[in-house]
PDB file of N, CA and C in Angstrom:
ATOM      1  N   MET A   1     -19.135   4.276   5.182  1.00  0.00           N
ATOM      2  CA  MET A   1     -18.333   5.108   4.308  1.00  0.00           C
ATOM      3  C   MET A   1     -17.642   4.263   3.235  1.00  0.00           C
ATOM      4  N   GLN A   2     -17.362   3.015   3.589  1.00  0.00           N
ATOM      5  CA  GLN A   2     -16.742   2.146   2.590  1.00  0.00           C
ATOM      6  C   GLN A   2     -17.736   1.801   1.489  1.00  0.00           C
ATOM      7  N   ARG A   3     -18.974   1.527   1.863  1.00  0.00           N
ATOM      8  CA  ARG A   3     -19.989   1.208   0.858  1.00  0.00           C
ATOM      9  C   ARG A   3     -20.312   2.417  -0.012  1.00  0.00           C
ATOM     10  N   ALA A   4     -20.104   3.620   0.520  1.00  0.00           N
ATOM     11  CA  ALA A   4     -20.316   4.844  -0.251  1.00  0.00           C
ATOM     12  C   ALA A   4     -19.094   5.179  -1.109  1.00  0.00           C
ATOM     13  N   ARG A   5     -18.080   4.344  -1.057  1.00  0.00           N
ATOM     14  CA  ARG A   5     -16.838   4.499  -1.832  1.00  0.00           C
ATOM     15  C   ARG A   5     -16.080   5.774  -1.489  1.00  0.00           C
ATOM     16  N   LEU A   6     -16.002   6.034  -0.182  1.00  0.00           N
ATOM     17  CA  LEU A   6     -15.196   7.155   0.291  1.00  0.00           C
ATOM     18  C   LEU A   6     -13.889   6.673   0.899  1.00  0.00           C
ATOM     19  N   ILE A   7     -13.906   5.473   1.488  1.00  0.00           N
ATOM     20  CA  ILE A   7     -12.703   4.936   2.121  1.00  0.00           C
ATOM     21  C   ILE A   7     -12.493   3.471   1.743  1.00  0.00           C
ATOM     22  N   ASN A   8     -11.275   3.007   1.966  1.00  0.00           N
ATOM     23  CA  ASN A   8     -10.907   1.594   1.867  1.00  0.00           C
ATOM     24  C   ASN A   8     -10.263   1.207   3.186  1.00  0.00           C
ATOM     25  N   THR A   9     -10.416  -0.027   3.589  1.00  0.00           N
ATOM     26  CA  THR A   9      -9.840  -0.483   4.852  1.00  0.00           C
ATOM     27  C   THR A   9      -8.858  -1.621   4.616  1.00  0.00           C
ATOM     28  N   LEU A  10      -7.853  -1.689   5.484  1.00  0.00           N
ATOM     29  CA  LEU A  10      -6.833  -2.715   5.415  1.00  0.00           C
ATOM     30  C   LEU A  10      -6.739  -3.392   6.782  1.00  0.00           C
ATOM     31  N   TYR A  11      -6.860  -4.700   6.781  1.00  0.00           N
ATOM     32  CA  TYR A  11      -6.839  -5.478   8.011  1.00  0.00           C
ATOM     33  C   TYR A  11      -5.514  -6.231   8.147  1.00  0.00           C
ATOM     34  N   PRO A  12      -5.146  -6.609   9.364  1.00  0.00           N
ATOM     35  CA  PRO A  12      -3.892  -7.354   9.570  1.00  0.00           C
ATOM     36  C   PRO A  12      -3.926  -8.709   8.866  1.00  0.00           C
ATOM     37  N   ALA A  13      -2.749  -9.178   8.480  1.00  0.00           N
ATOM     38  CA  ALA A  13      -2.628 -10.489   7.843  1.00  0.00           C
ATOM     39  C   ALA A  13      -2.935 -11.581   8.852  1.00  0.00           C
ATOM     40  N   GLY A  14      -3.408 -12.711   8.367  1.00  0.00           N
ATOM     41  CA  GLY A  14      -3.715 -13.847   9.239  1.00  0.00           C
ATOM     42  C   GLY A  14      -5.166 -13.857   9.652  1.00  0.00           C
ATOM     43  N   HIS A  15      -5.499 -14.842  10.429  1.00  0.00           N
ATOM     44  CA  HIS A  15      -6.872 -15.001  10.899  1.00  0.00           C
ATOM     45  C   HIS A  15      -6.866 -14.920  12.412  1.00  0.00           C
ATOM     46  N   SER A  16      -7.495 -13.882  12.923  1.00  0.00           N
ATOM     47  CA  SER A  16      -7.589 -13.730  14.372  1.00  0.00           C
ATOM     48  C   SER A  16      -8.848 -12.944  14.695  1.00  0.00           C
ATOM     49  N   ILE A  17      -9.123 -12.788  15.949  1.00  0.00           N
ATOM     50  CA  ILE A  17     -10.302 -12.050  16.382  1.00  0.00           C
ATOM     51  C   ILE A  17     -10.195 -10.576  15.995  1.00  0.00           C
ATOM     52  N   SER A  18      -8.950 -10.069  15.859  1.00  0.00           N
ATOM     53  CA  SER A  18      -8.775  -8.657  15.515  1.00  0.00           C
ATOM     54  C   SER A  18      -9.300  -8.341  14.118  1.00  0.00           C
ATOM     55  N   THR A  19      -9.341  -9.329  13.232  1.00  0.00           N
ATOM     56  CA  THR A  19      -9.862  -9.063  11.891  1.00  0.00           C
ATOM     57  C   THR A  19     -11.369  -8.824  11.908  1.00  0.00           C
ATOM     58  N   LEU A  20     -12.035  -9.217  12.987  1.00  0.00           N
ATOM     59  CA  LEU A  20     -13.471  -8.973  13.114  1.00  0.00           C
ATOM     60  C   LEU A  20     -13.761  -7.604  13.716  1.00  0.00           C
ATOM     61  N   GLN A  21     -12.735  -6.956  14.220  1.00  0.00           N
ATOM     62  CA  GLN A  21     -12.920  -5.667  14.867  1.00  0.00           C
ATOM     63  C   GLN A  21     -12.627  -4.532  13.898  1.00  0.00           C
ATOM     64  N   LYS A  22     -11.849  -3.586  14.316  1.00  0.00           N
ATOM     65  CA  LYS A  22     -11.575  -2.416  13.484  1.00  0.00           C
ATOM     66  C   LYS A  22     -10.415  -2.660  12.527  1.00  0.00           C
ATOM     67  N   PRO A  23     -10.397  -1.941  11.399  1.00  0.00           N
ATOM     68  CA  PRO A  23      -9.282  -2.093  10.449  1.00  0.00           C
ATOM     69  C   PRO A  23      -8.003  -1.498  11.026  1.00  0.00           C
ATOM     70  N   GLU A  24      -6.874  -1.979  10.543  1.00  0.00           N
ATOM     71  CA  GLU A  24      -5.585  -1.471  10.988  1.00  0.00           C
ATOM     72  C   GLU A  24      -5.251  -0.139  10.310  1.00  0.00           C
ATOM     73  N   LYS A  25      -5.613  -0.015   9.035  1.00  0.00           N
ATOM     74  CA  LYS A  25      -5.380   1.227   8.287  1.00  0.00           C
ATOM     75  C   LYS A  25      -6.622   1.576   7.490  1.00  0.00           C
ATOM     76  N   ILE A  26      -6.832   2.879   7.331  1.00  0.00           N
ATOM     77  CA  ILE A  26      -7.946   3.377   6.522  1.00  0.00           C
ATOM     78  C   ILE A  26      -7.360   4.300   5.461  1.00  0.00           C
ATOM     79  N   PHE A  27      -7.726   4.044   4.209  1.00  0.00           N
ATOM     80  CA  PHE A  27      -7.272   4.859   3.089  1.00  0.00           C
ATOM     81  C   PHE A  27      -8.471   5.518   2.441  1.00  0.00           C
ATOM     82  N   LEU A  28      -8.246   6.656   1.820  1.00  0.00           N
ATOM     83  CA  LEU A  28      -9.291   7.259   1.014  1.00  0.00           C
ATOM     84  C   LEU A  28      -9.495   6.413  -0.235  1.00  0.00           C
ATOM     85  N   GLN A  29     -10.678   6.449  -0.793  1.00  0.00           N
ATOM     86  CA  GLN A  29     -10.994   5.656  -1.984  1.00  0.00           C
ATOM     87  C   GLN A  29     -10.168   6.090  -3.182  1.00  0.00           C
ATOM     88  N   ASN A  30      -9.816   7.362  -3.221  1.00  0.00           N
ATOM     89  CA  ASN A  30      -9.112   7.907  -4.370  1.00  0.00           C
ATOM     90  C   ASN A  30      -8.157   8.989  -3.874  1.00  0.00           C
ATOM     91  N   THR A  31      -6.997   9.096  -4.489  1.00  0.00           N
ATOM     92  CA  THR A  31      -6.021  10.104  -4.061  1.00  0.00           C
ATOM     93  C   THR A  31      -6.542  11.528  -4.255  1.00  0.00           C
ATOM     94  N   ASN A  32      -7.427  11.738  -5.195  1.00  0.00           N
ATOM     95  CA  ASN A  32      -7.962  13.082  -5.440  1.00  0.00           C
ATOM     96  C   ASN A  32      -8.798  13.591  -4.267  1.00  0.00           C
ATOM     97  N   ILE A  33      -9.405  12.707  -3.522  1.00  0.00           N
ATOM     98  CA  ILE A  33     -10.212  13.118  -2.363  1.00  0.00           C
ATOM     99  C   ILE A  33      -9.336  13.821  -1.341  1.00  0.00           C
ATOM    100  N   ALA A  34      -8.093  13.390  -1.192  1.00  0.00           N
ATOM    101  CA  ALA A  34      -7.180  14.008  -0.227  1.00  0.00           C
ATOM    102  C   ALA A  34      -6.974  15.483  -0.538  1.00  0.00           C
ATOM    103  N   TYR A  35      -6.826  15.803  -1.806  1.00  0.00           N
ATOM    104  CA  TYR A  35      -6.634  17.205  -2.192  1.00  0.00           C
ATOM    105  C   TYR A  35      -7.901  18.032  -1.989  1.00  0.00           C
ATOM    106  N   ALA A  36      -9.051  17.403  -2.021  1.00  0.00           N
ATOM    107  CA  ALA A  36     -10.308  18.123  -1.834  1.00  0.00           C
ATOM    108  C   ALA A  36     -10.571  18.462  -0.372  1.00  0.00           C
ATOM    109  N   ILE A  37     -10.011  17.662   0.550  1.00  0.00           N
ATOM    110  CA  ILE A  37     -10.329  17.891   1.964  1.00  0.00           C
ATOM    111  C   ILE A  37      -9.176  18.470   2.779  1.00  0.00           C
ATOM    112  N   ALA A  38      -7.982  18.565   2.203  1.00  0.00           N
ATOM    113  CA  ALA A  38      -6.842  19.084   2.971  1.00  0.00           C
ATOM    114  C   ALA A  38      -5.952  19.967   2.097  1.00  0.00           C
ATOM    115  N   PRO A  39      -5.490  21.084   2.648  1.00  0.00           N
ATOM    116  CA  PRO A  39      -4.603  21.949   1.859  1.00  0.00           C
ATOM    117  C   PRO A  39      -3.207  21.346   1.678  1.00  0.00           C
ATOM    118  N   GLN A  40      -2.739  20.597   2.657  1.00  0.00           N
ATOM    119  CA  GLN A  40      -1.445  19.921   2.593  1.00  0.00           C
ATOM    120  C   GLN A  40      -1.682  18.420   2.652  1.00  0.00           C
ATOM    121  N   VAL A  41      -1.107  17.685   1.699  1.00  0.00           N
ATOM    122  CA  VAL A  41      -1.309  16.240   1.636  1.00  0.00           C
ATOM    123  C   VAL A  41       0.032  15.547   1.847  1.00  0.00           C
ATOM    124  N   ASP A  42       0.044  14.529   2.716  1.00  0.00           N
ATOM    125  CA  ASP A  42       1.253  13.767   2.990  1.00  0.00           C
ATOM    126  C   ASP A  42       1.590  12.887   1.784  1.00  0.00           C
ATOM    127  N   PRO A  43       2.796  13.053   1.210  1.00  0.00           N
ATOM    128  CA  PRO A  43       3.147  12.257   0.027  1.00  0.00           C
ATOM    129  C   PRO A  43       3.173  10.750   0.295  1.00  0.00           C
ATOM    130  N   GLY A  44       3.573  10.339   1.487  1.00  0.00           N
ATOM    131  CA  GLY A  44       3.592   8.916   1.823  1.00  0.00           C
ATOM    132  C   GLY A  44       2.203   8.310   1.823  1.00  0.00           C
ATOM    133  N   SER A  45       1.247   9.043   2.363  1.00  0.00           N
ATOM    134  CA  SER A  45      -0.145   8.575   2.369  1.00  0.00           C
ATOM    135  C   SER A  45      -0.692   8.474   0.956  1.00  0.00           C
ATOM    136  N   LEU A  46      -0.338   9.441   0.115  1.00  0.00           N
ATOM    137  CA  LEU A  46      -0.782   9.395  -1.277  1.00  0.00           C
ATOM    138  C   LEU A  46      -0.237   8.169  -1.986  1.00  0.00           C
ATOM    139  N   CYS A  47       1.033   7.867  -1.758  1.00  0.00           N
ATOM    140  CA  CYS A  47       1.649   6.706  -2.406  1.00  0.00           C
ATOM    141  C   CYS A  47       0.977   5.411  -1.969  1.00  0.00           C
ATOM    142  N   GLU A  48       0.726   5.276  -0.666  1.00  0.00           N
ATOM    143  CA  GLU A  48       0.061   4.073  -0.162  1.00  0.00           C
ATOM    144  C   GLU A  48      -1.365   3.971  -0.686  1.00  0.00           C
ATOM    145  N   THR A  49      -2.076   5.086  -0.728  1.00  0.00           N
ATOM    146  CA  THR A  49      -3.442   5.086  -1.248  1.00  0.00           C
ATOM    147  C   THR A  49      -3.448   4.697  -2.719  1.00  0.00           C
ATOM    148  N   PHE A  50      -2.529   5.243  -3.494  1.00  0.00           N
ATOM    149  CA  PHE A  50      -2.436   4.912  -4.912  1.00  0.00           C
ATOM    150  C   PHE A  50      -2.206   3.416  -5.099  1.00  0.00           C
ATOM    151  N   LEU A  51      -1.243   2.866  -4.381  1.00  0.00           N
ATOM    152  CA  LEU A  51      -0.936   1.444  -4.520  1.00  0.00           C
ATOM    153  C   LEU A  51      -2.128   0.583  -4.123  1.00  0.00           C
ATOM    154  N   PHE A  52      -2.776   0.934  -3.024  1.00  0.00           N
ATOM    155  CA  PHE A  52      -3.948   0.179  -2.571  1.00  0.00           C
ATOM    156  C   PHE A  52      -5.039   0.177  -3.637  1.00  0.00           C
ATOM    157  N   THR A  53      -5.329   1.347  -4.199  1.00  0.00           N
ATOM    158  CA  THR A  53      -6.410   1.430  -5.179  1.00  0.00           C
ATOM    159  C   THR A  53      -6.084   0.670  -6.460  1.00  0.00           C
ATOM    160  N   GLN A  54      -4.822   0.575  -6.808  1.00  0.00           N
ATOM    161  CA  GLN A  54      -4.447  -0.137  -8.031  1.00  0.00           C
ATOM    162  C   GLN A  54      -4.515  -1.653  -7.857  1.00  0.00           C
ATOM    163  N   LEU A  55      -4.298  -2.142  -6.652  1.00  0.00           N
ATOM    164  CA  LEU A  55      -4.261  -3.583  -6.424  1.00  0.00           C
ATOM    165  C   LEU A  55      -5.569  -4.171  -5.898  1.00  0.00           C
ATOM    166  N   GLN A  56      -6.408  -3.342  -5.299  1.00  0.00           N
ATOM    167  CA  GLN A  56      -7.652  -3.860  -4.716  1.00  0.00           C
ATOM    168  C   GLN A  56      -8.551  -4.427  -5.798  1.00  0.00           C
ATOM    169  N   GLY A  57      -9.312  -5.412  -5.441  1.00  0.00           N
ATOM    170  CA  GLY A  57     -10.234  -6.038  -6.387  1.00  0.00           C
ATOM    171  C   GLY A  57      -9.592  -7.171  -7.175  1.00  0.00           C
ATOM    172  N   LYS A  58      -8.348  -7.014  -7.547  1.00  0.00           N
ATOM    173  CA  LYS A  58      -7.626  -8.053  -8.292  1.00  0.00           C
ATOM    174  C   LYS A  58      -6.820  -8.953  -7.355  1.00  0.00           C
ATOM    175  N   HIS A  59      -6.454  -8.428  -6.185  1.00  0.00           N
ATOM    176  CA  HIS A  59      -5.611  -9.163  -5.239  1.00  0.00           C
ATOM    177  C   HIS A  59      -6.152  -9.010  -3.832  1.00  0.00           C
ATOM    178  N   HIS A  60      -5.836  -9.991  -2.986  1.00  0.00           N
ATOM    179  CA  HIS A  60      -6.177  -9.897  -1.572  1.00  0.00           C
ATOM    180  C   HIS A  60      -5.061  -9.123  -0.881  1.00  0.00           C
ATOM    181  N   LEU A  61      -5.414  -8.018  -0.248  1.00  0.00           N
ATOM    182  CA  LEU A  61      -4.438  -7.176   0.431  1.00  0.00           C
ATOM    183  C   LEU A  61      -4.644  -7.232   1.930  1.00  0.00           C
ATOM    184  N   SER A  62      -3.546  -7.313   2.662  1.00  0.00           N
ATOM    185  CA  SER A  62      -3.599  -7.265   4.119  1.00  0.00           C
ATOM    186  C   SER A  62      -2.345  -6.562   4.624  1.00  0.00           C
ATOM    187  N   LEU A  63      -2.322  -6.278   5.917  1.00  0.00           N
ATOM    188  CA  LEU A  63      -1.196  -5.587   6.533  1.00  0.00           C
ATOM    189  C   LEU A  63      -0.279  -6.607   7.182  1.00  0.00           C
ATOM    190  N   PRO A  64       0.970  -6.727   6.709  1.00  0.00           N
ATOM    191  CA  PRO A  64       1.909  -7.686   7.312  1.00  0.00           C
ATOM    192  C   PRO A  64       2.531  -7.105   8.581  1.00  0.00           C
ATOM    193  N   LYS A  65       3.243  -7.946   9.322  1.00  0.00           N
ATOM    194  CA  LYS A  65       3.956  -7.472  10.524  1.00  0.00           C
ATOM    195  C   LYS A  65       5.072  -6.510  10.122  1.00  0.00           C
ATOM    196  N   LEU A  66       5.747  -6.785   9.015  1.00  0.00           N
ATOM    197  CA  LEU A  66       6.795  -5.915   8.485  1.00  0.00           C
ATOM    198  C   LEU A  66       6.426  -5.535   7.062  1.00  0.00           C
ATOM    199  N   GLY A  67       6.469  -4.243   6.750  1.00  0.00           N
ATOM    200  CA  GLY A  67       6.102  -3.775   5.420  1.00  0.00           C
ATOM    201  C   GLY A  67       4.745  -3.092   5.433  1.00  0.00           C
ATOM    202  N   ASP A  68       4.340  -2.618   4.265  1.00  0.00           N
ATOM    203  CA  ASP A  68       3.069  -1.887   4.158  1.00  0.00           C
ATOM    204  C   ASP A  68       1.912  -2.734   3.652  1.00  0.00           C
ATOM    205  N   PHE A  69       2.184  -3.647   2.718  1.00  0.00           N
ATOM    206  CA  PHE A  69       1.118  -4.469   2.139  1.00  0.00           C
ATOM    207  C   PHE A  69       1.587  -5.904   1.958  1.00  0.00           C
ATOM    208  N   LEU A  70       0.698  -6.840   2.213  1.00  0.00           N
ATOM    209  CA  LEU A  70       0.918  -8.248   1.905  1.00  0.00           C
ATOM    210  C   LEU A  70      -0.092  -8.591   0.807  1.00  0.00           C
ATOM    211  N   ILE A  71       0.425  -8.985  -0.351  1.00  0.00           N
ATOM    212  CA  ILE A  71      -0.418  -9.248  -1.513  1.00  0.00           C
ATOM    213  C   ILE A  71      -0.606 -10.749  -1.668  1.00  0.00           C
ATOM    214  N   ASP A  72      -1.857 -11.188  -1.649  1.00  0.00           N
ATOM    215  CA  ASP A  72      -2.216 -12.598  -1.829  1.00  0.00           C
ATOM    216  C   ASP A  72      -1.437 -13.524  -0.896  1.00  0.00           C
ATOM    217  N   ASP A  73      -1.111 -13.040   0.279  1.00  0.00           N
ATOM    218  CA  ASP A  73      -0.382 -13.808   1.309  1.00  0.00           C
ATOM    219  C   ASP A  73       0.969 -14.326   0.831  1.00  0.00           C
ATOM    220  N   THR A  74       1.549 -13.716  -0.207  1.00  0.00           N
ATOM    221  CA  THR A  74       2.836 -14.195  -0.723  1.00  0.00           C
ATOM    222  C   THR A  74       3.881 -13.106  -0.904  1.00  0.00           C
ATOM    223  N   VAL A  75       3.496 -11.923  -1.334  1.00  0.00           N
ATOM    224  CA  VAL A  75       4.450 -10.856  -1.651  1.00  0.00           C
ATOM    225  C   VAL A  75       4.256  -9.686  -0.698  1.00  0.00           C
ATOM    226  N   THR A  76       5.359  -9.206  -0.127  1.00  0.00           N
ATOM    227  CA  THR A  76       5.323  -8.058   0.768  1.00  0.00           C
ATOM    228  C   THR A  76       5.854  -6.834   0.036  1.00  0.00           C
ATOM    229  N   LEU A  77       5.146  -5.705   0.169  1.00  0.00           N
ATOM    230  CA  LEU A  77       5.580  -4.448  -0.427  1.00  0.00           C
ATOM    231  C   LEU A  77       5.774  -3.398   0.651  1.00  0.00           C
ATOM    232  N   GLU A  78       6.842  -2.648   0.536  1.00  0.00           N
ATOM    233  CA  GLU A  78       7.107  -1.483   1.377  1.00  0.00           C
ATOM    234  C   GLU A  78       7.083  -0.284   0.439  1.00  0.00           C
ATOM    235  N   VAL A  79       6.269   0.710   0.753  1.00  0.00           N
ATOM    236  CA  VAL A  79       6.105   1.884  -0.096  1.00  0.00           C
ATOM    237  C   VAL A  79       6.966   3.017   0.447  1.00  0.00           C
ATOM    238  N   GLY A  80       7.583   3.769  -0.453  1.00  0.00           N
ATOM    239  CA  GLY A  80       8.399   4.888  -0.011  1.00  0.00           C
ATOM    240  C   GLY A  80       8.878   5.751  -1.156  1.00  0.00           C
ATOM    241  N   GLY A  81       9.763   6.679  -0.807  1.00  0.00           N
ATOM    242  CA  GLY A  81      10.348   7.572  -1.791  1.00  0.00           C
ATOM    243  C   GLY A  81      11.603   6.967  -2.399  1.00  0.00           C
ATOM    244  N   ALA A  82      12.226   7.709  -3.289  1.00  0.00           N
ATOM    245  CA  ALA A  82      13.380   7.219  -4.042  1.00  0.00           C
ATOM    246  C   ALA A  82      14.549   6.795  -3.139  1.00  0.00           C
ATOM    247  N   GLY A  83      14.687   7.413  -1.988  1.00  0.00           N
ATOM    248  CA  GLY A  83      15.801   7.099  -1.094  1.00  0.00           C
ATOM    249  C   GLY A  83      15.538   5.970  -0.112  1.00  0.00           C
ATOM    250  N   LYS A  84      14.376   5.380  -0.159  1.00  0.00           N
ATOM    251  CA  LYS A  84      14.000   4.322   0.791  1.00  0.00           C
ATOM    252  C   LYS A  84      14.893   3.103   0.617  1.00  0.00           C
ATOM    253  N   LYS A  85      15.358   2.562   1.723  1.00  0.00           N
ATOM    254  CA  LYS A  85      16.198   1.359   1.712  1.00  0.00           C
ATOM    255  C   LYS A  85      15.376   0.158   2.163  1.00  0.00           C
ATOM    256  N   LYS A  86      15.883  -1.024   1.923  1.00  0.00           N
ATOM    257  CA  LYS A  86      15.177  -2.267   2.229  1.00  0.00           C
ATOM    258  C   LYS A  86      15.355  -2.715   3.682  1.00  0.00           C
ATOM    259  N   SER A  87      15.881  -1.850   4.535  1.00  0.00           N
ATOM    260  CA  SER A  87      16.196  -2.241   5.913  1.00  0.00           C
ATOM    261  C   SER A  87      14.971  -2.728   6.692  1.00  0.00           C
ATOM    262  N   GLN A  88      13.799  -2.160   6.462  1.00  0.00           N
ATOM    263  CA  GLN A  88      12.599  -2.572   7.195  1.00  0.00           C
ATOM    264  C   GLN A  88      12.137  -3.969   6.823  1.00  0.00           C
ATOM    265  N   ILE A  89      12.411  -4.393   5.594  1.00  0.00           N
ATOM    266  CA  ILE A  89      11.908  -5.685   5.130  1.00  0.00           C
ATOM    267  C   ILE A  89      13.040  -6.639   4.755  1.00  0.00           C
ATOM    268  N   ARG A  90      14.226  -6.367   5.247  1.00  0.00           N
ATOM    269  CA  ARG A  90      15.397  -7.178   4.922  1.00  0.00           C
ATOM    270  C   ARG A  90      15.199  -8.654   5.272  1.00  0.00           C
ATOM    271  N   GLU A  91      14.548  -8.916   6.384  1.00  0.00           N
ATOM    272  CA  GLU A  91      14.352 -10.284   6.867  1.00  0.00           C
ATOM    273  C   GLU A  91      13.176 -11.001   6.203  1.00  0.00           C
ATOM    274  N   VAL A  92      12.372 -10.288   5.443  1.00  0.00           N
ATOM    275  CA  VAL A  92      11.136 -10.835   4.878  1.00  0.00           C
ATOM    276  C   VAL A  92      11.416 -11.471   3.512  1.00  0.00           C
ATOM    277  N   PRO A  93      11.053 -12.744   3.346  1.00  0.00           N
ATOM    278  CA  PRO A  93      11.230 -13.349   2.019  1.00  0.00           C
ATOM    279  C   PRO A  93      10.198 -12.791   1.036  1.00  0.00           C
ATOM    280  N   ASN A  94      10.577 -12.706  -0.221  1.00  0.00           N
ATOM    281  CA  ASN A  94       9.689 -12.255  -1.279  1.00  0.00           C
ATOM    282  C   ASN A  94       9.145 -10.846  -0.998  1.00  0.00           C
ATOM    283  N   ALA A  95      10.051  -9.933  -0.621  1.00  0.00           N
ATOM    284  CA  ALA A  95       9.679  -8.558  -0.295  1.00  0.00           C
ATOM    285  C   ALA A  95      10.297  -7.595  -1.305  1.00  0.00           C
ATOM    286  N   TYR A  96       9.536  -6.555  -1.631  1.00  0.00           N
ATOM    287  CA  TYR A  96       9.963  -5.581  -2.621  1.00  0.00           C
ATOM    288  C   TYR A  96       9.665  -4.172  -2.134  1.00  0.00           C
ATOM    289  N   LEU A  97      10.364  -3.198  -2.717  1.00  0.00           N
ATOM    290  CA  LEU A  97      10.117  -1.794  -2.452  1.00  0.00           C
ATOM    291  C   LEU A  97       9.339  -1.210  -3.621  1.00  0.00           C
ATOM    292  N   ALA A  98       8.236  -0.539  -3.355  1.00  0.00           N
ATOM    293  CA  ALA A  98       7.481   0.197  -4.370  1.00  0.00           C
ATOM    294  C   ALA A  98       7.816   1.666  -4.143  1.00  0.00           C
ATOM    295  N   LEU A  99       8.636   2.241  -5.026  1.00  0.00           N
ATOM    296  CA  LEU A  99       9.214   3.552  -4.771  1.00  0.00           C
ATOM    297  C   LEU A  99       8.707   4.633  -5.704  1.00  0.00           C
ATOM    298  N   ASP A 100       8.354   5.759  -5.108  1.00  0.00           N
ATOM    299  CA  ASP A 100       7.957   6.934  -5.857  1.00  0.00           C
ATOM    300  C   ASP A 100       9.222   7.720  -6.205  1.00  0.00           C
ATOM    301  N   GLY A 101       9.233   8.344  -7.354  1.00  0.00           N
ATOM    302  CA  GLY A 101      10.364   9.191  -7.720  1.00  0.00           C
ATOM    303  C   GLY A 101      11.491   8.479  -8.451  1.00  0.00           C
ATOM    304  N   ILE A 102      11.277   7.231  -8.856  1.00  0.00           N
ATOM    305  CA  ILE A 102      12.277   6.549  -9.684  1.00  0.00           C
ATOM    306  C   ILE A 102      11.617   6.164 -11.005  1.00  0.00           C
ATOM    307  N   GLU A 103      12.400   6.175 -12.063  1.00  0.00           N
ATOM    308  CA  GLU A 103      11.851   5.856 -13.380  1.00  0.00           C
ATOM    309  C   GLU A 103      11.981   4.381 -13.728  1.00  0.00           C
ATOM    310  N   THR A 104      13.078   3.773 -13.327  1.00  0.00           N
ATOM    311  CA  THR A 104      13.309   2.365 -13.632  1.00  0.00           C
ATOM    312  C   THR A 104      13.642   1.622 -12.351  1.00  0.00           C
ATOM    313  N   GLY A 105      13.388   0.339 -12.354  1.00  0.00           N
ATOM    314  CA  GLY A 105      13.664  -0.467 -11.182  1.00  0.00           C
ATOM    315  C   GLY A 105      14.847  -1.386 -11.396  1.00  0.00           C
ATOM    316  N   GLU A 106      15.333  -1.915 -10.296  1.00  0.00           N
ATOM    317  CA  GLU A 106      16.376  -2.928 -10.351  1.00  0.00           C
ATOM    318  C   GLU A 106      16.320  -3.715  -9.042  1.00  0.00           C
ATOM    319  N   ASP A 107      16.725  -4.959  -9.114  1.00  0.00           N
ATOM    320  CA  ASP A 107      16.666  -5.865  -7.960  1.00  0.00           C
ATOM    321  C   ASP A 107      15.270  -5.864  -7.368  1.00  0.00           C
ATOM    322  N   SER A 108      15.134  -5.444  -6.122  1.00  0.00           N
ATOM    323  CA  SER A 108      13.829  -5.476  -5.455  1.00  0.00           C
ATOM    324  C   SER A 108      13.166  -4.102  -5.435  1.00  0.00           C
ATOM    325  N   ARG A 109      13.628  -3.171  -6.258  1.00  0.00           N
ATOM    326  CA  ARG A 109      13.083  -1.814  -6.323  1.00  0.00           C
ATOM    327  C   ARG A 109      12.178  -1.689  -7.550  1.00  0.00           C
ATOM    328  N   ILE A 110      10.898  -1.397  -7.311  1.00  0.00           N
ATOM    329  CA  ILE A 110       9.906  -1.277  -8.390  1.00  0.00           C
ATOM    330  C   ILE A 110       9.386   0.154  -8.397  1.00  0.00           C
ATOM    331  N   PRO A 111       9.385   0.826  -9.549  1.00  0.00           N
ATOM    332  CA  PRO A 111       8.803   2.166  -9.608  1.00  0.00           C
ATOM    333  C   PRO A 111       7.302   2.119  -9.286  1.00  0.00           C
ATOM    334  N   LEU A 112       6.866   3.025  -8.446  1.00  0.00           N
ATOM    335  CA  LEU A 112       5.465   3.051  -8.027  1.00  0.00           C
ATOM    336  C   LEU A 112       4.526   3.256  -9.218  1.00  0.00           C
ATOM    337  N   TRP A 113       4.921   4.039 -10.185  1.00  0.00           N
ATOM    338  CA  TRP A 113       4.053   4.331 -11.325  1.00  0.00           C
ATOM    339  C   TRP A 113       3.685   3.070 -12.118  1.00  0.00           C
ATOM    340  N   LEU A 114       4.534   2.043 -12.066  1.00  0.00           N
ATOM    341  CA  LEU A 114       4.225   0.811 -12.800  1.00  0.00           C
ATOM    342  C   LEU A 114       2.955   0.124 -12.283  1.00  0.00           C
ATOM    343  N   PHE A 115       2.626   0.342 -11.020  1.00  0.00           N
ATOM    344  CA  PHE A 115       1.421  -0.269 -10.464  1.00  0.00           C
ATOM    345  C   PHE A 115       0.153   0.331 -11.074  1.00  0.00           C
ATOM    346  N   GLY A 116       0.282   1.463 -11.753  1.00  0.00           N
ATOM    347  CA  GLY A 116      -0.854   2.059 -12.450  1.00  0.00           C
ATOM    348  C   GLY A 116      -1.337   1.203 -13.615  1.00  0.00           C
ATOM    349  N   PHE A 117      -0.511   0.287 -14.069  1.00  0.00           N
ATOM    350  CA  PHE A 117      -0.904  -0.614 -15.157  1.00  0.00           C
ATOM    351  C   PHE A 117      -1.660  -1.850 -14.652  1.00  0.00           C
ATOM    352  N   CYS A 118      -1.825  -1.969 -13.346  1.00  0.00           N
ATOM    353  CA  CYS A 118      -2.499  -3.148 -12.778  1.00  0.00           C
ATOM    354  C   CYS A 118      -4.010  -3.089 -12.939  1.00  0.00           C
ATOM    355  N   ARG A 119      -4.573  -1.940 -13.114  1.00  0.00           N
ATOM    356  CA  ARG A 119      -6.030  -1.803 -13.210  1.00  0.00           C
ATOM    357  C   ARG A 119      -6.458  -2.298 -14.510  1.00  0.00           C
TER     358      ARG A 119
END
């Protein structure tokens, strides 16, 4: 299904035997596919799928122990809505929030829509 460009897979960060097995997360190839197969779509899943599709190909993405994405083994991103706090990734160095529903960012808060310019 991945070769048919229906899904994308995300594996845990690091090198272990688990990376040879099943992926930790599976995303649809495109956010529009979600609307075609389900009447109700989870906004959190859409945000994560959007971010994954914008960064894939240009960056190495993996699943960190804390957070949603580890980019190039250096930057951790936690995806969420406008009210999301940094409590989940407080202990993680070089960690940021990619937030839906905000127009401008400050400190470690980045508007999710800005990742649309990465392609």
